[in-house]
Amino acid sequence: DVGLPSGSGDVEYLAALRRHLPQALAYARPDVVLYDAGVDVHEEDKLGLLRISDEGLLQRERYVLETCLKWGSPVAAFVGGGYHRNLD
């Protein structure tokens, strides 16, 4: 996890991703990447504290997949998170 200020949007989020993902891959040298493509960062998530747009999520997915594949690491992705305050 990388801490970001509450309310951070696409620019801050994607900059942090671009800064940290290559470092993490270089350090871990994974045989496979298990990628939890969580959507609790989305701007419409009522419990999340970040404000990532649909376009920001699309850019994130492309960057993660392209970067991992460039490192030669296959990716197994799944979606998690994304909550509404009224869980009934």
C-alpha atoms as a PDB file:
ATOM      1  CA  ASP A   1       0.000   0.000   0.000  1.00  0.00           C
ATOM      2  CA  VAL A   2       1.028   3.564  -0.685  1.00  0.00           C
ATOM      3  CA  GLY A   3      -0.512   6.271   1.471  1.00  0.00           C
ATOM      4  CA  LEU A   4      -2.225   9.129  -0.341  1.00  0.00           C
ATOM      5  CA  PRO A   5      -4.104  12.078   1.126  1.00  0.00           C
ATOM      6  CA  SER A   6      -7.887  11.724   1.324  1.00  0.00           C
ATOM      7  CA  GLY A   7      -9.534  13.117  -1.778  1.00  0.00           C
ATOM      8  CA  SER A   8      -6.570  12.387  -4.056  1.00  0.00           C
ATOM      9  CA  GLY A   9      -7.598  12.070  -7.694  1.00  0.00           C
ATOM     10  CA  ASP A  10      -6.298  10.589 -10.913  1.00  0.00           C
ATOM     11  CA  VAL A  11      -3.124  12.673 -11.165  1.00  0.00           C
ATOM     12  CA  GLU A  12      -1.810  11.884  -7.688  1.00  0.00           C
ATOM     13  CA  TYR A  13      -2.909   8.253  -7.795  1.00  0.00           C
ATOM     14  CA  LEU A  14      -1.401   7.464 -11.186  1.00  0.00           C
ATOM     15  CA  ALA A  15       1.827   9.296 -10.344  1.00  0.00           C
ATOM     16  CA  ALA A  16       2.230   7.156  -7.227  1.00  0.00           C
ATOM     17  CA  LEU A  17       1.528   4.012  -9.229  1.00  0.00           C
ATOM     18  CA  ARG A  18       4.107   4.927 -11.872  1.00  0.00           C
ATOM     19  CA  ARG A  19       6.637   5.701  -9.164  1.00  0.00           C
ATOM     20  CA  HIS A  20       6.158   2.542  -7.072  1.00  0.00           C
ATOM     21  CA  LEU A  21       5.109  -0.325  -9.362  1.00  0.00           C
ATOM     22  CA  PRO A  22       8.426  -0.619 -11.248  1.00  0.00           C
ATOM     23  CA  GLN A  23      10.291  -0.519  -7.916  1.00  0.00           C
ATOM     24  CA  ALA A  24       8.079  -3.266  -6.486  1.00  0.00           C
ATOM     25  CA  LEU A  25       8.572  -5.459  -9.555  1.00  0.00           C
ATOM     26  CA  ALA A  26      12.334  -4.935  -9.500  1.00  0.00           C
ATOM     27  CA  TYR A  27      12.482  -5.827  -5.809  1.00  0.00           C
ATOM     28  CA  ALA A  28      10.161  -8.856  -5.887  1.00  0.00           C
ATOM     29  CA  ARG A  29      10.919 -10.227  -9.376  1.00  0.00           C
ATOM     30  CA  PRO A  30       7.625 -12.163  -9.289  1.00  0.00           C
ATOM     31  CA  ASP A  31       6.920 -15.290 -11.338  1.00  0.00           C
ATOM     32  CA  VAL A  32       3.297 -14.162 -11.475  1.00  0.00           C
ATOM     33  CA  VAL A  33       1.469 -11.036 -10.282  1.00  0.00           C
ATOM     34  CA  LEU A  34      -1.828 -11.410  -8.419  1.00  0.00           C
ATOM     35  CA  TYR A  35      -3.561  -8.112  -9.091  1.00  0.00           C
ATOM     36  CA  ASP A  36      -6.548  -7.064  -6.983  1.00  0.00           C
ATOM     37  CA  ALA A  37      -8.038  -4.383  -9.227  1.00  0.00           C
ATOM     38  CA  GLY A  38      -9.995  -2.808  -6.387  1.00  0.00           C
ATOM     39  CA  VAL A  39     -12.619  -0.214  -7.183  1.00  0.00           C
ATOM     40  CA  ASP A  40     -13.019   1.226  -3.695  1.00  0.00           C
ATOM     41  CA  VAL A  41     -10.806   4.086  -4.927  1.00  0.00           C
ATOM     42  CA  HIS A  42     -13.549   5.162  -7.370  1.00  0.00           C
ATOM     43  CA  GLU A  43     -14.999   8.639  -6.976  1.00  0.00           C
ATOM     44  CA  GLU A  44     -18.528   7.251  -6.499  1.00  0.00           C
ATOM     45  CA  ASP A  45     -17.544   4.789  -3.767  1.00  0.00           C
ATOM     46  CA  LYS A  46     -19.255   6.085  -0.636  1.00  0.00           C
ATOM     47  CA  LEU A  47     -16.785   4.522   1.790  1.00  0.00           C
ATOM     48  CA  GLY A  48     -13.544   5.133  -0.111  1.00  0.00           C
ATOM     49  CA  LEU A  49     -11.434   8.208   0.486  1.00  0.00           C
ATOM     50  CA  LEU A  50      -9.989   8.648  -3.011  1.00  0.00           C
ATOM     51  CA  ARG A  51     -11.606  10.186  -6.069  1.00  0.00           C
ATOM     52  CA  ILE A  52     -10.450   8.161  -9.070  1.00  0.00           C
ATOM     53  CA  SER A  53     -12.514   8.573 -12.253  1.00  0.00           C
ATOM     54  CA  ASP A  54     -13.551   5.862 -14.708  1.00  0.00           C
ATOM     55  CA  GLU A  55     -10.788   7.088 -17.028  1.00  0.00           C
ATOM     56  CA  GLY A  56      -8.281   6.971 -14.165  1.00  0.00           C
ATOM     57  CA  LEU A  57      -9.194   3.344 -13.453  1.00  0.00           C
ATOM     58  CA  LEU A  58      -8.823   2.492 -17.138  1.00  0.00           C
ATOM     59  CA  GLN A  59      -5.384   4.114 -17.191  1.00  0.00           C
ATOM     60  CA  ARG A  60      -4.453   2.199 -14.033  1.00  0.00           C
ATOM     61  CA  GLU A  61      -5.473  -1.160 -15.498  1.00  0.00           C
ATOM     62  CA  ARG A  62      -3.576  -0.536 -18.726  1.00  0.00           C
ATOM     63  CA  TYR A  63      -0.465   0.621 -16.891  1.00  0.00           C
ATOM     64  CA  VAL A  64      -0.424  -2.298 -14.445  1.00  0.00           C
ATOM     65  CA  LEU A  65      -0.945  -4.917 -17.140  1.00  0.00           C
ATOM     66  CA  GLU A  66       1.499  -3.406 -19.632  1.00  0.00           C
ATOM     67  CA  THR A  67       4.181  -2.859 -16.983  1.00  0.00           C
ATOM     68  CA  CYS A  68       3.936  -6.360 -15.530  1.00  0.00           C
ATOM     69  CA  LEU A  69       4.036  -7.942 -18.981  1.00  0.00           C
ATOM     70  CA  LYS A  70       7.080  -5.841 -19.941  1.00  0.00           C
ATOM     71  CA  TRP A  71       8.800  -7.303 -16.859  1.00  0.00           C
ATOM     72  CA  GLY A  72       7.867 -10.783 -18.080  1.00  0.00           C
ATOM     73  CA  SER A  73       5.397 -11.397 -15.256  1.00  0.00           C
ATOM     74  CA  PRO A  74       2.007 -12.845 -16.196  1.00  0.00           C
ATOM     75  CA  VAL A  75      -0.932 -11.296 -14.358  1.00  0.00           C
ATOM     76  CA  ALA A  76      -3.909 -12.945 -12.676  1.00  0.00           C
ATOM     77  CA  ALA A  77      -6.396 -10.130 -12.027  1.00  0.00           C
ATOM     78  CA  PHE A  78      -9.610  -9.961 -10.040  1.00  0.00           C
ATOM     79  CA  VAL A  79     -11.882  -7.152  -8.901  1.00  0.00           C
ATOM     80  CA  GLY A  80     -12.557  -6.311  -5.279  1.00  0.00           C
ATOM     81  CA  GLY A  81     -13.915  -3.483  -3.205  1.00  0.00           C
ATOM     82  CA  GLY A  82     -16.449  -0.915  -4.209  1.00  0.00           C
ATOM     83  CA  TYR A  83     -19.017  -0.405  -1.527  1.00  0.00           C
ATOM     84  CA  HIS A  84     -22.158   1.573  -0.914  1.00  0.00           C
ATOM     85  CA  ARG A  85     -23.100   2.843   2.552  1.00  0.00           C
ATOM     86  CA  ASN A  86     -26.513   1.170   2.320  1.00  0.00           C
ATOM     87  CA  LEU A  87     -25.580  -2.516   2.186  1.00  0.00           C
ATOM     88  CA  ASP A  88     -29.175  -3.771   2.428  1.00  0.00           C
END
